[in-house]
């Protein structure tokens, strides 16, 4: 390595004495003594210039251990004239190094730009032309089979028809040999191509533009690229423009768990009993799930109303009418209560007002083959009032069934009134009436109502002291709460007896506000 002009032969950068720069930095070391010695800044005017022979280190003097005249390093500034002035201060070797680094950086930048443009525009290399049929190169054939002597006669290849618009081969001075033809991309073959002594035989194909009955013999002599005719292929479409064909996969089935109303029969075979069962709903079809649960049957001792062998074919809901199609008569020997249980279940949905029953697509009904409206659930009508919604109030009451487990809903019919909460409590105090054979009176006889008030959705009920004599306290409270919270304006009930909290009589928690409960939850 030649010594740069004006540089100390013992000067280097860091631990490598072969790297020298004219700009003084704290990284420079002096190797005059064999070991690298840091050059104090006050020596830079000597060691880094043509005056290095006057440098104390070069002259063999030891470097001061505590330099006192060491000036504060000044930032390197460009000479007057900007970039050109700075370049003028560099040695020819430094300028060459910087030029090489800038050239390498420019080349890398250009490569990244070209690759990026190819990725954005979907351009592929022309050299990578995919063909279904793989033709071994000629060099492979000559490696295993000796080439034919110059005097050997090679039969010419059978001409094949090219697609319309194919350019003619360019004549050359090369020996007349069969050209290596790149088959169109539409031609495919599953037959392997056996090597021969003179080259490779391409078997005839059954389809494609280049189909022929005579094998094409390709010799081992490589034809110059200028003599190879270009066979046009289909226009290459960028990868980003090819639409993705969706794979035929089944859509995932949406499932959820919902608590739905179902109606079964009581043990007497005369009343309907509502339950709220947690059911798995598939494809957001709760009506279908509810009817299938009716077919599955009741729990906890209730009576089955639908034939368990019945199969639901489908439900169509349109304009408030649910058309329910079964594969057979759904009644389980209890007609028409079986159909009424379906109507009571389905009309709990806000979108269903009536039901049309079908058996294998043929309409059926209760009194013919028409629509079935929602019936009154277990009607109690001691006054014999007409079913007139304008003149009759239908009050929801809940009594404990004889099984001691289920609360049974009864609709008490009374003359039209605006005091529905007061009328409901009065009807409860009167008891189950005609349904006494199937329902229990949980509120003691003789209990009177002092009053009921409603504030912020909470009804405060004030009974006489006879109420605290109830044998089944939970059922007595539950009968009142279930009945009153059925009314849309009441969300909770608080109990008083002779004006005092029920907790005074029965203790905590009977003094709390009872919120709307679940009815016979399953």
Protein backbone atom coordinates (compact mmCIF):
# COMPACT_ATOMS: atom_id res chain seq x y z
CA UNK A 1 0.00 0.00 0.00
CA UNK A 2 1.48 3.37 -1.07
CA UNK A 3 1.94 6.12 1.48
CA UNK A 4 -0.45 9.08 0.95
CA UNK A 5 1.23 12.39 0.33
CA UNK A 6 1.72 14.40 3.50
CA UNK A 7 0.69 11.58 5.86
CA UNK A 8 2.65 10.09 8.70
CA UNK A 9 3.56 6.44 7.96
CA UNK A 10 2.81 5.58 11.59
CA UNK A 11 -0.66 7.14 11.63
CA UNK A 12 -3.88 5.06 11.48
CA UNK A 13 -7.55 5.14 12.47
CA UNK A 14 -8.62 3.20 15.59
CA UNK A 15 -6.74 -0.12 15.70
CA UNK A 16 -6.02 -0.28 11.94
CA UNK A 17 -2.95 1.73 10.89
CA UNK A 18 -3.76 1.17 7.20
CA UNK A 19 -6.78 3.51 7.30
CA UNK A 20 -5.75 7.17 7.18
CA UNK A 21 -7.85 10.29 6.76
CA UNK A 22 -6.75 13.89 6.71
CA UNK A 23 -9.55 15.10 8.98
CA UNK A 24 -8.35 15.03 12.61
CA UNK A 25 -10.55 13.04 14.97
CA UNK A 26 -10.11 11.53 18.42
CA UNK A 27 -10.19 8.11 16.78
CA UNK A 28 -6.67 8.47 15.26
CA UNK A 29 -3.77 6.52 16.78
CA UNK A 30 -0.01 6.70 16.31
CA UNK A 31 1.83 3.39 15.79
CA UNK A 32 5.37 4.76 15.88
CA UNK A 33 6.16 2.82 19.05
CA UNK A 34 4.49 -0.38 17.81
CA UNK A 35 1.40 0.06 20.00
CA UNK A 36 -1.45 2.43 19.15
CA UNK A 37 -1.16 5.71 21.05
CA UNK A 38 -3.93 8.28 21.06
CA UNK A 39 -2.90 11.52 19.35
CA UNK A 40 -3.74 14.60 21.43
CA UNK A 41 -5.63 17.18 19.47
CA UNK A 42 -2.83 19.76 19.82
CA UNK A 43 -0.59 17.45 17.74
CA UNK A 44 -3.04 17.13 14.83
CA UNK A 45 -1.50 20.04 12.92
CA UNK A 46 1.68 17.98 12.71
CA UNK A 47 0.67 14.34 12.61
CA UNK A 48 -2.07 14.81 9.98
CA UNK A 49 -0.12 17.00 7.58
CA UNK A 50 3.13 17.15 5.68
CA UNK A 51 4.77 18.44 8.87
CA UNK A 52 4.43 15.01 10.50
CA UNK A 53 8.24 14.81 10.75
CA UNK A 54 8.01 17.59 13.37
CA UNK A 55 5.36 15.70 15.40
CA UNK A 56 6.69 14.89 18.90
CA UNK A 57 5.42 11.34 18.61
CA UNK A 58 7.17 10.87 15.24
CA UNK A 59 10.37 12.23 16.76
CA UNK A 60 10.17 9.66 19.53
CA UNK A 61 9.01 12.00 22.28
CA UNK A 62 6.41 10.73 24.70
CA UNK A 63 2.91 12.19 24.58
CA UNK A 64 2.03 14.48 27.48
CA UNK A 65 -0.01 12.69 30.11
CA UNK A 66 -1.96 15.76 31.15
CA UNK A 67 -2.07 18.07 28.17
CA UNK A 68 -2.75 21.61 29.31
CA UNK A 69 -2.88 23.32 25.95
CA UNK A 70 -5.47 20.97 24.50
CA UNK A 71 -8.02 23.25 22.84
CA UNK A 72 -11.70 22.48 22.70
CA UNK A 73 -12.41 20.56 19.48
CA UNK A 74 -14.05 22.80 16.93
CA UNK A 75 -16.73 21.48 14.59
CA UNK A 76 -15.57 20.71 11.11
CA UNK A 77 -16.85 23.30 8.68
CA UNK A 78 -16.74 23.38 4.93
CA UNK A 79 -14.16 25.55 3.21
CA UNK A 80 -15.44 28.61 1.41
CA UNK A 81 -17.15 27.52 -1.75
CA UNK A 82 -19.53 24.93 -0.25
CA UNK A 83 -19.31 21.34 -1.41
CA UNK A 84 -16.68 22.08 -4.04
CA UNK A 85 -14.47 23.73 -1.43
CA UNK A 86 -14.78 20.69 0.81
CA UNK A 87 -13.94 18.36 -2.04
CA UNK A 88 -10.86 20.47 -2.79
CA UNK A 89 -9.54 19.78 0.69
CA UNK A 90 -9.66 16.01 0.14
CA UNK A 91 -6.79 14.05 -1.25
CA UNK A 92 -7.28 12.22 -4.55
CA UNK A 93 -7.46 8.92 -2.68
CA UNK A 94 -10.23 10.20 -0.38
CA UNK A 95 -12.21 11.53 -3.32
CA UNK A 96 -11.92 8.13 -5.02
CA UNK A 97 -13.20 6.32 -1.92
CA UNK A 98 -16.19 8.65 -1.60
CA UNK A 99 -16.97 8.32 -5.32
CA UNK A 100 -16.96 4.50 -5.12
CA UNK A 101 -19.27 4.49 -2.08
CA UNK A 102 -21.71 6.93 -3.73
CA UNK A 103 -21.71 4.80 -6.91
CA UNK A 104 -22.47 1.59 -4.95
CA UNK A 105 -25.29 3.35 -3.09
CA UNK A 106 -26.76 4.64 -6.37
CA UNK A 107 -26.64 1.14 -7.91
CA UNK A 108 -28.44 -0.41 -4.91
CA UNK A 109 -31.08 2.34 -5.07
CA UNK A 110 -31.70 1.70 -8.79
CA UNK A 111 -32.07 -2.05 -8.20
CA UNK A 112 -34.67 -1.46 -5.49
CA UNK A 113 -36.56 0.98 -7.75
CA UNK A 114 -36.68 -1.53 -10.63
CA UNK A 115 -37.83 -4.38 -8.38
CA UNK A 116 -40.45 -2.15 -6.79
CA UNK A 117 -41.85 -1.07 -10.17
CA UNK A 118 -42.04 -4.70 -11.32
CA UNK A 119 -43.98 -5.64 -8.17
CA UNK A 120 -46.43 -2.74 -8.56
CA UNK A 121 -47.05 -3.24 -12.30
CA UNK A 122 -47.09 -7.07 -12.15
CA UNK A 123 -44.28 -7.34 -14.74
CA UNK A 124 -42.41 -10.64 -14.78
CA UNK A 125 -39.10 -11.51 -16.30
CA UNK A 126 -39.30 -12.50 -19.96
CA UNK A 127 -36.86 -15.30 -19.33
CA UNK A 128 -39.25 -17.08 -16.99
CA UNK A 129 -41.72 -18.40 -19.60
CA UNK A 130 -43.70 -21.26 -18.00
CA UNK A 131 -44.50 -24.20 -20.24
CA UNK A 132 -46.40 -27.33 -19.20
CA UNK A 133 -44.05 -29.61 -21.18
CA UNK A 134 -40.49 -29.74 -19.90
CA UNK A 135 -37.93 -30.28 -22.72
CA UNK A 136 -34.45 -31.32 -21.52
CA UNK A 137 -31.64 -29.11 -22.85
CA UNK A 138 -29.49 -30.36 -25.65
CA UNK A 139 -26.44 -30.51 -23.44
CA UNK A 140 -28.07 -33.24 -21.37
CA UNK A 141 -28.54 -35.43 -24.37
CA UNK A 142 -24.93 -35.08 -25.48
CA UNK A 143 -23.69 -35.90 -21.98
CA UNK A 144 -25.07 -39.43 -22.12
CA UNK A 145 -25.09 -40.17 -25.88
CA UNK A 146 -22.18 -39.42 -28.23
CA UNK A 147 -22.99 -36.93 -30.94
CA UNK A 148 -23.49 -38.21 -34.46
CA UNK A 149 -20.54 -37.79 -36.90
CA UNK A 150 -20.71 -34.85 -39.29
CA UNK A 151 -21.51 -37.14 -42.24
CA UNK A 152 -24.53 -38.74 -40.51
CA UNK A 153 -27.83 -37.90 -42.14
CA UNK A 154 -30.52 -36.75 -39.72
CA UNK A 155 -34.08 -36.96 -40.99
CA UNK A 156 -35.74 -33.56 -40.98
CA UNK A 157 -38.43 -32.94 -38.42
CA UNK A 158 -42.01 -33.23 -39.52
CA UNK A 159 -43.37 -29.72 -39.95
CA UNK A 160 -46.11 -28.72 -37.59
CA UNK A 161 -48.76 -26.11 -38.05
CA UNK A 162 -48.26 -22.96 -36.02
CA UNK A 163 -51.05 -20.72 -34.77
CA UNK A 164 -52.21 -17.95 -37.04
CA UNK A 165 -50.02 -14.90 -36.86
CA UNK A 166 -46.79 -16.76 -36.05
CA UNK A 167 -43.67 -14.98 -37.33
CA UNK A 168 -41.54 -16.87 -39.83
CA UNK A 169 -38.13 -18.27 -38.69
CA UNK A 170 -35.15 -16.07 -39.46
CA UNK A 171 -32.71 -17.80 -41.86
CA UNK A 172 -29.15 -18.19 -40.58
CA UNK A 173 -25.93 -19.90 -41.69
CA UNK A 174 -26.25 -22.53 -38.98
CA UNK A 175 -26.74 -26.18 -39.97
CA UNK A 176 -30.29 -27.00 -40.86
CA UNK A 177 -31.71 -28.60 -37.73
CA UNK A 178 -35.13 -28.83 -36.22
CA UNK A 179 -35.80 -25.76 -34.09
CA UNK A 180 -36.49 -26.09 -30.41
CA UNK A 181 -40.15 -25.10 -30.29
CA UNK A 182 -41.70 -23.72 -27.16
CA UNK A 183 -45.14 -25.28 -27.15
CA UNK A 184 -48.15 -23.01 -26.54
CA UNK A 185 -49.27 -22.84 -22.97
CA UNK A 186 -52.56 -24.58 -23.88
CA UNK A 187 -50.77 -27.79 -24.94
CA UNK A 188 -50.27 -30.25 -22.11
CA UNK A 189 -49.16 -33.86 -21.99
CA UNK A 190 -48.91 -36.47 -19.29
CA UNK A 191 -46.63 -38.75 -21.37
CA UNK A 192 -42.94 -38.73 -20.37
CA UNK A 193 -40.44 -37.74 -23.07
CA UNK A 194 -37.83 -40.50 -23.58
CA UNK A 195 -34.30 -39.51 -24.71
CA UNK A 196 -32.95 -40.95 -27.97
CA UNK A 197 -29.55 -41.15 -29.59
CA UNK A 198 -30.24 -38.11 -31.76
CA UNK A 199 -32.14 -35.95 -29.39
CA UNK A 200 -35.56 -35.84 -27.78
CA UNK A 201 -38.80 -37.05 -29.31
CA UNK A 202 -41.87 -34.99 -28.45
CA UNK A 203 -44.91 -37.27 -28.69
CA UNK A 204 -47.97 -35.98 -30.55
CA UNK A 205 -50.64 -34.32 -28.48
CA UNK A 206 -54.36 -34.84 -28.76
CA UNK A 207 -55.31 -31.21 -28.39
CA UNK A 208 -53.82 -27.79 -28.99
CA UNK A 209 -52.70 -25.79 -32.00
CA UNK A 210 -49.54 -27.87 -32.54
CA UNK A 211 -51.18 -31.31 -32.71
CA UNK A 212 -49.55 -33.72 -35.18
CA UNK A 213 -49.50 -37.42 -35.92
CA UNK A 214 -45.72 -37.60 -36.46
CA UNK A 215 -43.20 -37.28 -33.60
CA UNK A 216 -41.03 -34.19 -33.66
CA UNK A 217 -37.33 -35.05 -33.48
CA UNK A 218 -35.23 -32.44 -31.72
CA UNK A 219 -31.50 -32.89 -32.26
CA UNK A 220 -28.77 -32.36 -29.73
CA UNK A 221 -27.34 -29.37 -31.65
CA UNK A 222 -28.30 -26.11 -29.95
CA UNK A 223 -29.74 -23.61 -32.43
CA UNK A 224 -28.81 -19.95 -31.92
CA UNK A 225 -31.44 -17.89 -30.21
CA UNK A 226 -31.96 -15.77 -33.32
CA UNK A 227 -33.18 -18.81 -35.25
CA UNK A 228 -35.79 -19.89 -32.74
CA UNK A 229 -39.26 -18.78 -33.87
CA UNK A 230 -41.27 -17.07 -31.19
CA UNK A 231 -44.55 -18.87 -30.65
CA UNK A 232 -47.12 -16.40 -29.35
CA UNK A 233 -48.77 -17.30 -26.12
CA UNK A 234 -51.73 -15.90 -24.31
CA UNK A 235 -51.28 -12.33 -23.15
CA UNK A 236 -49.77 -12.35 -19.71
CA UNK A 237 -52.13 -10.86 -17.15
CA UNK A 238 -50.56 -9.28 -14.04
CA UNK A 239 -51.00 -11.42 -10.97
CA UNK A 240 -52.90 -8.65 -9.24
CA UNK A 241 -55.53 -8.55 -12.03
CA UNK A 242 -56.46 -12.24 -11.89
CA UNK A 243 -59.72 -12.59 -9.91
CA UNK A 244 -59.63 -15.08 -7.10
CA UNK A 245 -62.25 -17.79 -7.54
CA UNK A 246 -63.83 -18.42 -4.14
CA UNK A 247 -63.53 -21.93 -2.86
CA UNK A 248 -66.84 -23.69 -2.37
CA UNK A 249 -67.01 -23.89 1.38
CA UNK A 250 -70.02 -24.11 3.60
CA UNK A 251 -70.81 -20.96 5.55
CA UNK A 252 -70.40 -21.28 9.29
CA UNK A 253 -73.65 -21.86 11.13
CA UNK A 254 -74.44 -19.05 13.56
CA UNK A 255 -75.58 -20.39 16.91
CA UNK A 256 -76.71 -18.69 20.08
CA UNK A 257 -78.49 -19.56 23.29
CA UNK A 258 -81.78 -17.80 24.01
CA UNK A 259 -84.47 -18.19 26.63
CA UNK A 260 -87.77 -18.83 24.81
CA UNK A 261 -91.37 -19.29 25.92
CA UNK A 262 -92.87 -22.77 25.51
CA UNK A 263 -96.34 -24.05 26.43
CA UNK A 264 -97.04 -27.59 27.64
CA UNK A 265 -100.01 -29.22 29.39
CA UNK A 266 -100.54 -29.60 33.15
CA UNK A 267 -101.08 -32.91 34.87
CA UNK A 268 -104.88 -32.53 34.75
CA UNK A 269 -104.90 -32.35 30.96
CA UNK A 270 -106.90 -29.07 30.95
CA UNK A 271 -104.52 -26.14 31.44
CA UNK A 272 -101.51 -24.76 29.58
CA UNK A 273 -98.32 -24.22 31.59
CA UNK A 274 -95.71 -21.71 30.32
CA UNK A 275 -92.01 -22.34 30.80
CA UNK A 276 -88.96 -20.28 29.86
CA UNK A 277 -86.33 -22.68 28.52
CA UNK A 278 -82.77 -21.90 27.49
CA UNK A 279 -82.51 -23.15 23.90
CA UNK A 280 -79.76 -23.29 21.28
CA UNK A 281 -80.85 -21.24 18.26
CA UNK A 282 -79.25 -21.93 14.87
CA UNK A 283 -79.07 -19.51 11.94
CA UNK A 284 -81.02 -16.86 13.90
CA UNK A 285 -84.29 -18.85 13.68
CA UNK A 286 -85.75 -18.83 17.21
CA UNK A 287 -89.26 -19.79 16.02
CA UNK A 288 -87.92 -22.99 14.45
CA UNK A 289 -85.96 -23.78 17.61
CA UNK A 290 -89.05 -23.23 19.79
CA UNK A 291 -91.27 -25.60 17.78
CA UNK A 292 -88.59 -28.27 17.79
CA UNK A 293 -88.41 -27.99 21.59
CA UNK A 294 -92.18 -28.49 21.75
CA UNK A 295 -91.70 -31.70 19.76
CA UNK A 296 -88.84 -32.72 22.04
CA UNK A 297 -91.30 -32.57 24.94
CA UNK A 298 -91.65 -31.18 28.47
CA UNK A 299 -89.60 -31.62 31.62
CA UNK A 300 -90.43 -31.72 35.32
CA UNK A 301 -93.65 -33.72 35.00
CA UNK A 302 -95.64 -31.60 32.51
CA UNK A 303 -97.82 -33.13 29.79
CA UNK A 304 -96.60 -33.63 26.18
CA UNK A 305 -98.94 -32.14 23.56
CA UNK A 306 -97.10 -32.83 20.25
CA UNK A 307 -96.35 -36.18 18.66
CA UNK A 308 -92.64 -36.91 19.36
CA UNK A 309 -92.31 -38.57 15.92
CA UNK A 310 -93.38 -35.39 14.16
CA UNK A 311 -90.73 -33.71 12.03
CA UNK A 312 -90.78 -29.99 11.34
CA UNK A 313 -90.23 -29.35 7.63
CA UNK A 314 -89.97 -25.59 7.89
CA UNK A 315 -91.39 -22.27 9.07
CA UNK A 316 -92.02 -19.24 6.86
CA UNK A 317 -92.89 -15.92 8.54
CA UNK A 318 -94.49 -13.24 6.37
CA UNK A 319 -96.75 -10.30 7.21
CA UNK A 320 -97.38 -11.52 10.75
CA UNK A 321 -98.31 -15.07 9.66
CA UNK A 322 -96.12 -18.05 10.47
CA UNK A 323 -96.67 -21.00 8.11
CA UNK A 324 -95.59 -24.14 9.96
CA UNK A 325 -95.16 -27.27 7.84
CA UNK A 326 -95.04 -30.74 9.48
CA UNK A 327 -94.49 -34.13 7.88
CA UNK A 328 -97.56 -35.56 9.70
CA UNK A 329 -100.39 -34.56 12.02
CA UNK A 330 -98.58 -33.01 15.02
CA UNK A 331 -101.41 -33.72 17.52
CA UNK A 332 -100.55 -36.36 20.08
CA UNK A 333 -104.14 -37.49 20.65
CA UNK A 334 -105.03 -34.12 22.18
CA UNK A 335 -106.73 -32.05 19.54
CA UNK A 336 -106.95 -29.00 19.30
CA UNK A 337 -104.73 -28.31 22.36
CA UNK A 338 -101.66 -29.53 20.46
CA UNK A 339 -102.09 -26.85 17.79
CA UNK A 340 -102.97 -24.23 20.40
CA UNK A 341 -99.70 -24.90 22.27
CA UNK A 342 -97.82 -24.12 19.03
CA UNK A 343 -99.81 -20.92 18.53
CA UNK A 344 -99.23 -19.79 22.13
CA UNK A 345 -95.49 -20.46 21.73
CA UNK A 346 -95.05 -18.71 18.38
CA UNK A 347 -97.18 -15.63 19.14
CA UNK A 348 -94.77 -14.73 21.92
CA UNK A 349 -92.56 -13.41 19.07
CA UNK A 350 -93.39 -9.84 18.08
CA UNK A 351 -93.31 -10.71 14.37
CA UNK A 352 -96.00 -13.44 14.60
CA UNK A 353 -99.71 -12.76 15.14
CA UNK A 354 -101.27 -15.91 13.65
CA UNK A 355 -100.28 -19.40 12.48
CA UNK A 356 -101.10 -21.40 9.36
CA UNK A 357 -100.55 -25.15 9.88
CA UNK A 358 -99.56 -27.46 7.04
CA UNK A 359 -98.94 -31.18 6.60
CA UNK A 360 -96.54 -31.77 3.72
CA UNK A 361 -97.55 -28.41 2.24
CA UNK A 362 -101.35 -28.86 2.58
CA UNK A 363 -103.13 -26.39 4.85
CA UNK A 364 -104.88 -27.60 7.99
CA UNK A 365 -106.45 -25.75 10.92
CA UNK A 366 -108.67 -26.14 13.98
CA UNK A 367 -112.08 -25.29 12.53
CA UNK A 368 -111.14 -26.01 8.93
CA UNK A 369 -107.89 -25.26 7.16
CA UNK A 370 -107.50 -21.54 7.87
CA UNK A 371 -105.36 -19.37 10.11
CA UNK A 372 -105.31 -19.84 13.89
CA UNK A 373 -105.19 -16.74 16.10
CA UNK A 374 -103.70 -16.66 19.58
CA UNK A 375 -106.20 -18.10 22.07
CA UNK A 376 -106.82 -16.77 25.57
CA UNK A 377 -104.59 -18.74 27.95
CA UNK A 378 -106.66 -20.63 30.54
CA UNK A 379 -109.56 -18.10 30.57
CA UNK A 380 -111.38 -17.53 33.88
CA UNK A 381 -114.69 -15.77 33.27
CA UNK A 382 -117.02 -16.12 36.27
CA UNK A 383 -119.17 -13.20 35.08
CA UNK A 384 -119.67 -14.62 31.60
CA UNK A 385 -118.32 -11.52 29.85
CA UNK A 386 -118.06 -11.33 26.08
CA UNK A 387 -114.66 -11.64 24.40
CA UNK A 388 -114.73 -7.96 23.59
CA UNK A 389 -111.40 -6.20 23.98
CA UNK A 390 -113.12 -2.86 24.01
CA UNK A 391 -115.41 -3.71 26.96
CA UNK A 392 -113.47 -6.45 28.77
CA UNK A 393 -110.19 -6.37 30.66
CA UNK A 394 -108.02 -9.49 30.46
CA UNK A 395 -105.97 -9.68 33.66
CA UNK A 396 -102.93 -12.01 33.92
CA UNK A 397 -102.91 -14.03 37.16
CA UNK A 398 -100.43 -16.64 38.37
CA UNK A 399 -101.37 -19.46 40.77
CA UNK A 400 -99.31 -22.35 42.02
CA UNK A 401 -100.17 -25.63 40.30
CA UNK A 402 -101.17 -28.75 42.21
CA UNK A 403 -97.72 -30.19 41.51
CA UNK A 404 -96.34 -27.56 43.92
CA UNK A 405 -93.67 -26.58 41.39
CA UNK A 406 -95.04 -24.71 38.37
CA UNK A 407 -96.76 -21.33 38.36
CA UNK A 408 -99.76 -21.50 36.01
CA UNK A 409 -101.01 -18.46 34.15
CA UNK A 410 -104.75 -17.71 34.17
CA UNK A 411 -106.50 -14.89 32.32
CA UNK A 412 -109.24 -13.39 34.49
CA UNK A 413 -111.86 -11.47 32.56
CA UNK A 414 -113.38 -8.40 34.30
CA UNK A 415 -115.20 -5.31 33.09
CA UNK A 416 -113.01 -2.70 31.46
CA UNK A 417 -111.03 -0.63 33.99
CA UNK A 418 -108.05 1.72 34.09
CA UNK A 419 -106.99 0.48 37.54
CA UNK A 420 -105.45 -2.72 36.18
CA UNK A 421 -102.99 -3.20 39.09
CA UNK A 422 -105.75 -2.86 41.69
CA UNK A 423 -108.08 -5.14 39.68
CA UNK A 424 -105.31 -7.76 39.31
CA UNK A 425 -104.71 -7.89 43.08
CA UNK A 426 -108.43 -8.16 43.79
CA UNK A 427 -108.71 -11.08 41.35
CA UNK A 428 -105.78 -12.82 43.07
CA UNK A 429 -107.44 -12.46 46.48
CA UNK A 430 -110.57 -14.12 45.08
CA UNK A 431 -108.54 -17.25 44.23
CA UNK A 432 -108.48 -19.64 41.23
CA UNK A 433 -112.24 -20.06 41.16
CA UNK A 434 -113.28 -22.71 38.61
CA UNK A 435 -109.69 -23.96 38.42
CA UNK A 436 -109.47 -24.80 42.12
CA UNK A 437 -109.15 -28.49 41.19
CA UNK A 438 -105.82 -27.77 39.45
CA UNK A 439 -104.48 -24.63 41.20
CA UNK A 440 -103.68 -23.68 44.79
CA UNK A 441 -104.71 -20.59 46.76
CA UNK A 442 -101.45 -19.31 48.25
CA UNK A 443 -102.79 -16.02 49.66
CA UNK A 444 -104.81 -16.78 52.81
CA UNK A 445 -108.58 -16.35 52.59
CA UNK A 446 -109.77 -13.17 54.29
CA UNK A 447 -106.80 -11.08 53.14
CA UNK A 448 -107.89 -7.64 52.01
CA UNK A 449 -106.13 -4.96 49.96
CA UNK A 450 -105.58 -1.64 51.71
CA UNK A 451 -104.16 -0.07 48.57
CA UNK A 452 -101.54 -0.09 45.85
CA UNK A 453 -99.39 2.76 44.57
CA UNK A 454 -97.04 3.01 41.61
CA UNK A 455 -93.90 5.15 41.50
CA UNK A 456 -90.98 4.86 39.06
CA UNK A 457 -92.16 1.41 37.95
CA UNK A 458 -92.30 0.03 41.54
CA UNK A 459 -95.72 -1.02 42.85
CA UNK A 460 -96.12 -0.81 46.64
CA UNK A 461 -98.81 -3.22 47.82
CA UNK A 462 -100.42 -2.88 51.26
CA UNK A 463 -102.28 -5.98 52.53
CA UNK A 464 -104.11 -6.68 55.77
CA UNK A 465 -102.48 -8.76 58.50
CA UNK A 466 -104.15 -11.94 57.18
CA UNK A 467 -101.42 -11.99 54.50
CA UNK A 468 -98.71 -12.87 57.06
CA UNK A 469 -100.58 -16.12 57.84
CA UNK A 470 -99.61 -17.64 54.46
CA UNK A 471 -98.29 -21.17 54.86
CA UNK A 472 -96.12 -20.96 51.74
CA UNK A 473 -94.53 -17.52 51.98
CA UNK A 474 -92.48 -17.77 48.79
CA UNK A 475 -95.50 -18.85 46.72
CA UNK A 476 -97.69 -16.14 48.22
CA UNK A 477 -95.16 -13.44 47.35
CA UNK A 478 -94.40 -15.05 43.98
CA UNK A 479 -98.05 -15.13 42.95
CA UNK A 480 -98.33 -11.36 43.49
CA UNK A 481 -94.98 -10.50 41.87
CA UNK A 482 -95.52 -12.75 38.81
CA UNK A 483 -98.98 -11.29 38.21
CA UNK A 484 -98.17 -7.58 38.67
CA UNK A 485 -94.87 -7.55 36.74
CA UNK A 486 -96.69 -9.01 33.74
CA UNK A 487 -98.20 -5.53 33.36
CA UNK A 488 -95.90 -3.40 31.20
CA UNK A 489 -95.88 -0.46 33.63
CA UNK A 490 -94.58 -2.45 36.64
CA UNK A 491 -90.98 -3.69 36.98
CA UNK A 492 -90.93 -4.43 40.70
CA UNK A 493 -93.12 -4.96 43.81
CA UNK A 494 -92.63 -3.99 47.46
CA UNK A 495 -94.84 -5.43 50.23
CA UNK A 496 -96.46 -3.72 53.19
CA UNK A 497 -98.75 -5.24 55.82
CA UNK A 498 -100.91 -2.71 57.65
CA UNK A 499 -98.51 -0.02 56.46
CA UNK A 500 -95.35 -1.74 57.75
CA UNK A 501 -92.70 -3.47 55.66
CA UNK A 502 -93.17 -7.22 55.27
CA UNK A 503 -89.67 -7.57 56.74
CA UNK A 504 -91.16 -6.47 60.07
CA UNK A 505 -93.30 -9.62 60.04
CA UNK A 506 -91.19 -12.17 58.21
CA UNK A 507 -87.74 -10.65 58.48
CA UNK A 508 -85.19 -9.91 55.82
CA UNK A 509 -85.18 -10.16 52.80
CA UNK A 510 -88.99 -9.86 52.53
CA UNK A 511 -88.64 -6.10 52.82
CA UNK A 512 -86.73 -5.82 49.51
CA UNK A 513 -88.15 -4.81 46.15
CA UNK A 514 -89.02 -7.92 44.10
CA UNK A 515 -88.08 -7.53 40.45
CA UNK A 516 -89.69 -9.21 37.44
CA UNK A 517 -88.74 -12.92 37.67
CA UNK A 518 -88.47 -15.75 35.15
CA UNK A 519 -91.56 -17.91 34.83
CA UNK A 520 -90.84 -21.60 35.41
CA UNK A 521 -87.22 -21.31 34.15
CA UNK A 522 -85.55 -24.40 32.67
